[in-house]
Amino acid sequence: MWVKAAGGVKFGRVFGMGLLARQYTSSARASSRCSSAPPPPPPPPSPPPHPSVDQIELEQLEEKFHHMQDTLQKKDEQMEDMCKRMDEMIAVFMQVHGRSLDTNQGDNSSGPFIIHGPTRPSTT
């Protein structure tokens, strides 16, 4: 390494410096800065912007909403299946006991879905 300078420690100026492979020179007016120095490297590319807190919350709420929609749809399907099975069970029961869901046979019942057990003989 070599340095070409003039002046003292406080007010000195560097006119040139270099290595065997490279050489840097400066004008007489420049201080310790080199005019032929390579340009500074470009700044690194900026990282992609991070999603904002509002955007993250919105995505979480949308995910929760879709999960709830799926859950409600499954529950609706379960309810439909249960209603179909109930209707089938009632129809079988009515066939076994000889009652129709559409008629009231005049047995003093308050509706077609009230099932009366066998009558007991009176003890009077």
C-alpha atoms as a PDB file:
ATOM      1  CA  MET A   1       0.000   0.000   0.000  1.00  0.00           C
ATOM      2  CA  TRP A   2       1.203   3.504  -0.705  1.00  0.00           C
ATOM      3  CA  VAL A   3      -0.083   6.983   0.229  1.00  0.00           C
ATOM      4  CA  LYS A   4       0.792  10.352  -1.280  1.00  0.00           C
ATOM      5  CA  ALA A   5      -0.067  13.136   1.164  1.00  0.00           C
ATOM      6  CA  ALA A   6       0.991  16.615   2.199  1.00  0.00           C
ATOM      7  CA  GLY A   7       0.590  18.504   5.453  1.00  0.00           C
ATOM      8  CA  GLY A   8       0.340  17.353   9.012  1.00  0.00           C
ATOM      9  CA  VAL A   9      -2.026  15.185  10.967  1.00  0.00           C
ATOM     10  CA  LYS A  10      -4.647  17.914  11.508  1.00  0.00           C
ATOM     11  CA  PHE A  11      -4.558  19.806   8.235  1.00  0.00           C
ATOM     12  CA  GLY A  12      -3.047  17.274   5.885  1.00  0.00           C
ATOM     13  CA  ARG A  13      -4.462  16.189   2.577  1.00  0.00           C
ATOM     14  CA  VAL A  14      -4.255  12.878   0.833  1.00  0.00           C
ATOM     15  CA  PHE A  15      -3.487  13.211  -2.874  1.00  0.00           C
ATOM     16  CA  GLY A  16      -3.293   9.561  -3.691  1.00  0.00           C
ATOM     17  CA  MET A  17      -3.165   6.101  -2.240  1.00  0.00           C
ATOM     18  CA  GLY A  18      -3.239   2.636  -3.586  1.00  0.00           C
ATOM     19  CA  LEU A  19      -2.247  -0.955  -3.639  1.00  0.00           C
ATOM     20  CA  LEU A  20      -0.234  -2.694  -6.249  1.00  0.00           C
ATOM     21  CA  ALA A  21      -3.413  -3.859  -7.974  1.00  0.00           C
ATOM     22  CA  ARG A  22      -5.435  -0.604  -7.730  1.00  0.00           C
ATOM     23  CA  GLN A  23      -4.618   3.043  -7.582  1.00  0.00           C
ATOM     24  CA  TYR A  24      -6.785   5.858  -6.219  1.00  0.00           C
ATOM     25  CA  THR A  25      -5.947   9.511  -6.904  1.00  0.00           C
ATOM     26  CA  SER A  26      -7.576  12.738  -5.890  1.00  0.00           C
ATOM     27  CA  SER A  27      -7.429  16.356  -6.908  1.00  0.00           C
ATOM     28  CA  ALA A  28      -5.340  18.858  -4.958  1.00  0.00           C
ATOM     29  CA  ARG A  29      -8.483  20.388  -3.431  1.00  0.00           C
ATOM     30  CA  ALA A  30      -9.873  17.149  -2.081  1.00  0.00           C
ATOM     31  CA  SER A  31      -9.008  16.046   1.379  1.00  0.00           C
ATOM     32  CA  SER A  32      -8.846  12.379   2.203  1.00  0.00           C
ATOM     33  CA  ARG A  33     -11.625  11.449  -0.229  1.00  0.00           C
ATOM     34  CA  CYS A  34     -10.693   9.801  -3.472  1.00  0.00           C
ATOM     35  CA  SER A  35     -12.283  10.983  -6.698  1.00  0.00           C
ATOM     36  CA  SER A  36     -11.639   7.792  -8.584  1.00  0.00           C
ATOM     37  CA  ALA A  37     -13.013   5.557  -5.859  1.00  0.00           C
ATOM     38  CA  PRO A  38     -15.602   3.092  -7.065  1.00  0.00           C
ATOM     39  CA  PRO A  39     -19.181   4.177  -6.526  1.00  0.00           C
ATOM     40  CA  PRO A  40     -20.839   2.918  -3.386  1.00  0.00           C
ATOM     41  CA  PRO A  41     -22.760  -0.302  -3.813  1.00  0.00           C
ATOM     42  CA  PRO A  42     -26.460   0.076  -4.484  1.00  0.00           C
ATOM     43  CA  PRO A  43     -28.703  -0.260  -1.466  1.00  0.00           C
ATOM     44  CA  PRO A  44     -30.129  -3.719  -0.930  1.00  0.00           C
ATOM     45  CA  PRO A  45     -33.621  -4.234  -2.292  1.00  0.00           C
ATOM     46  CA  SER A  46     -36.304  -3.365   0.161  1.00  0.00           C
ATOM     47  CA  PRO A  47     -38.097  -6.350   1.673  1.00  0.00           C
ATOM     48  CA  PRO A  48     -41.693  -6.918   0.638  1.00  0.00           C
ATOM     49  CA  PRO A  49     -44.091  -4.936   2.792  1.00  0.00           C
ATOM     50  CA  HIS A  50     -45.489  -6.794   5.755  1.00  0.00           C
ATOM     51  CA  PRO A  51     -49.258  -7.155   5.866  1.00  0.00           C
ATOM     52  CA  SER A  52     -50.873  -4.685   8.186  1.00  0.00           C
ATOM     53  CA  VAL A  53     -52.533  -5.746  11.411  1.00  0.00           C
ATOM     54  CA  ASP A  54     -55.954  -4.910   9.957  1.00  0.00           C
ATOM     55  CA  GLN A  55     -55.317  -7.150   6.951  1.00  0.00           C
ATOM     56  CA  ILE A  56     -54.220 -10.030   9.191  1.00  0.00           C
ATOM     57  CA  GLU A  57     -57.319  -9.615  11.386  1.00  0.00           C
ATOM     58  CA  LEU A  58     -59.544  -9.505   8.309  1.00  0.00           C
ATOM     59  CA  GLU A  59     -58.043 -12.739   6.978  1.00  0.00           C
ATOM     60  CA  GLN A  60     -58.505 -14.417  10.366  1.00  0.00           C
ATOM     61  CA  LEU A  61     -62.137 -13.254  10.555  1.00  0.00           C
ATOM     62  CA  GLU A  62     -62.826 -14.499   7.027  1.00  0.00           C
ATOM     63  CA  GLU A  63     -61.340 -17.889   7.895  1.00  0.00           C
ATOM     64  CA  LYS A  64     -63.442 -18.047  11.066  1.00  0.00           C
ATOM     65  CA  PHE A  65     -66.559 -17.034   9.099  1.00  0.00           C
ATOM     66  CA  HIS A  66     -66.028 -19.774   6.502  1.00  0.00           C
ATOM     67  CA  HIS A  67     -65.461 -22.326   9.264  1.00  0.00           C
ATOM     68  CA  MET A  68     -68.729 -21.273  10.935  1.00  0.00           C
ATOM     69  CA  GLN A  69     -70.580 -21.488   7.613  1.00  0.00           C
ATOM     70  CA  ASP A  70     -69.311 -25.036   7.116  1.00  0.00           C
ATOM     71  CA  THR A  71     -70.328 -25.966  10.666  1.00  0.00           C
ATOM     72  CA  LEU A  72     -73.845 -24.546  10.175  1.00  0.00           C
ATOM     73  CA  GLN A  73     -74.240 -26.393   6.887  1.00  0.00           C
ATOM     74  CA  LYS A  74     -73.267 -29.678   8.568  1.00  0.00           C
ATOM     75  CA  LYS A  75     -75.714 -29.019  11.423  1.00  0.00           C
ATOM     76  CA  ASP A  76     -78.497 -28.263   8.917  1.00  0.00           C
ATOM     77  CA  GLU A  77     -77.824 -31.559   7.147  1.00  0.00           C
ATOM     78  CA  GLN A  78     -77.884 -33.405  10.484  1.00  0.00           C
ATOM     79  CA  MET A  79     -81.212 -31.770  11.383  1.00  0.00           C
ATOM     80  CA  GLU A  80     -82.722 -32.756   8.029  1.00  0.00           C
ATOM     81  CA  ASP A  81     -81.581 -36.357   8.529  1.00  0.00           C
ATOM     82  CA  MET A  82     -83.037 -36.407  12.048  1.00  0.00           C
ATOM     83  CA  CYS A  83     -86.377 -35.035  10.818  1.00  0.00           C
ATOM     84  CA  LYS A  84     -86.557 -37.676   8.083  1.00  0.00           C
ATOM     85  CA  ARG A  85     -85.806 -40.452  10.582  1.00  0.00           C
ATOM     86  CA  MET A  86     -88.404 -39.052  13.023  1.00  0.00           C
ATOM     87  CA  ASP A  87     -91.036 -38.987  10.282  1.00  0.00           C
ATOM     88  CA  GLU A  88     -90.187 -42.579   9.336  1.00  0.00           C
ATOM     89  CA  MET A  89     -90.365 -43.727  12.966  1.00  0.00           C
ATOM     90  CA  ILE A  90     -93.715 -42.013  13.515  1.00  0.00           C
ATOM     91  CA  ALA A  91     -95.120 -43.533  10.312  1.00  0.00           C
ATOM     92  CA  VAL A  92     -93.983 -47.033  11.375  1.00  0.00           C
ATOM     93  CA  PHE A  93     -95.407 -46.551  14.860  1.00  0.00           C
ATOM     94  CA  MET A  94     -98.746 -45.399  13.498  1.00  0.00           C
ATOM     95  CA  GLN A  95     -98.917 -48.364  11.137  1.00  0.00           C
ATOM     96  CA  VAL A  96     -98.159 -50.792  13.956  1.00  0.00           C
ATOM     97  CA  HIS A  97    -100.800 -49.308  16.240  1.00  0.00           C
ATOM     98  CA  GLY A  98    -103.389 -48.794  13.517  1.00  0.00           C
ATOM     99  CA  ARG A  99    -103.548 -45.044  13.690  1.00  0.00           C
ATOM    100  CA  SER A 100    -103.283 -42.596  10.888  1.00  0.00           C
ATOM    101  CA  LEU A 101    -101.511 -39.279  11.188  1.00  0.00           C
ATOM    102  CA  ASP A 102    -104.303 -37.565   9.255  1.00  0.00           C
ATOM    103  CA  THR A 103    -107.393 -38.654  11.189  1.00  0.00           C
ATOM    104  CA  ASN A 104    -108.607 -38.249  14.719  1.00  0.00           C
ATOM    105  CA  GLN A 105    -110.634 -41.351  15.534  1.00  0.00           C
ATOM    106  CA  GLY A 106    -112.774 -39.712  18.168  1.00  0.00           C
ATOM    107  CA  ASP A 107    -111.124 -41.331  21.171  1.00  0.00           C
ATOM    108  CA  ASN A 108    -111.144 -38.032  23.076  1.00  0.00           C
ATOM    109  CA  SER A 109    -107.460 -37.472  22.321  1.00  0.00           C
ATOM    110  CA  SER A 110    -106.279 -33.946  21.794  1.00  0.00           C
ATOM    111  CA  GLY A 111    -104.447 -34.715  18.556  1.00  0.00           C
ATOM    112  CA  PRO A 112    -103.057 -37.410  16.303  1.00  0.00           C
ATOM    113  CA  PHE A 113     -99.654 -37.515  18.059  1.00  0.00           C
ATOM    114  CA  ILE A 114    -100.880 -38.366  21.534  1.00  0.00           C
ATOM    115  CA  ILE A 115    -100.525 -42.076  22.095  1.00  0.00           C
ATOM    116  CA  HIS A 116    -102.759 -43.699  24.700  1.00  0.00           C
ATOM    117  CA  GLY A 117    -101.741 -46.887  26.416  1.00  0.00           C
ATOM    118  CA  PRO A 118    -104.033 -49.873  26.981  1.00  0.00           C
ATOM    119  CA  THR A 119    -107.113 -49.077  29.025  1.00  0.00           C
ATOM    120  CA  ARG A 120    -107.525 -50.582  32.476  1.00  0.00           C
ATOM    121  CA  PRO A 121    -110.782 -52.118  33.546  1.00  0.00           C
ATOM    122  CA  SER A 122    -112.647 -49.944  35.973  1.00  0.00           C
ATOM    123  CA  THR A 123    -113.052 -51.256  39.532  1.00  0.00           C
ATOM    124  CA  THR A 124    -116.306 -49.530  40.410  1.00  0.00           C
END
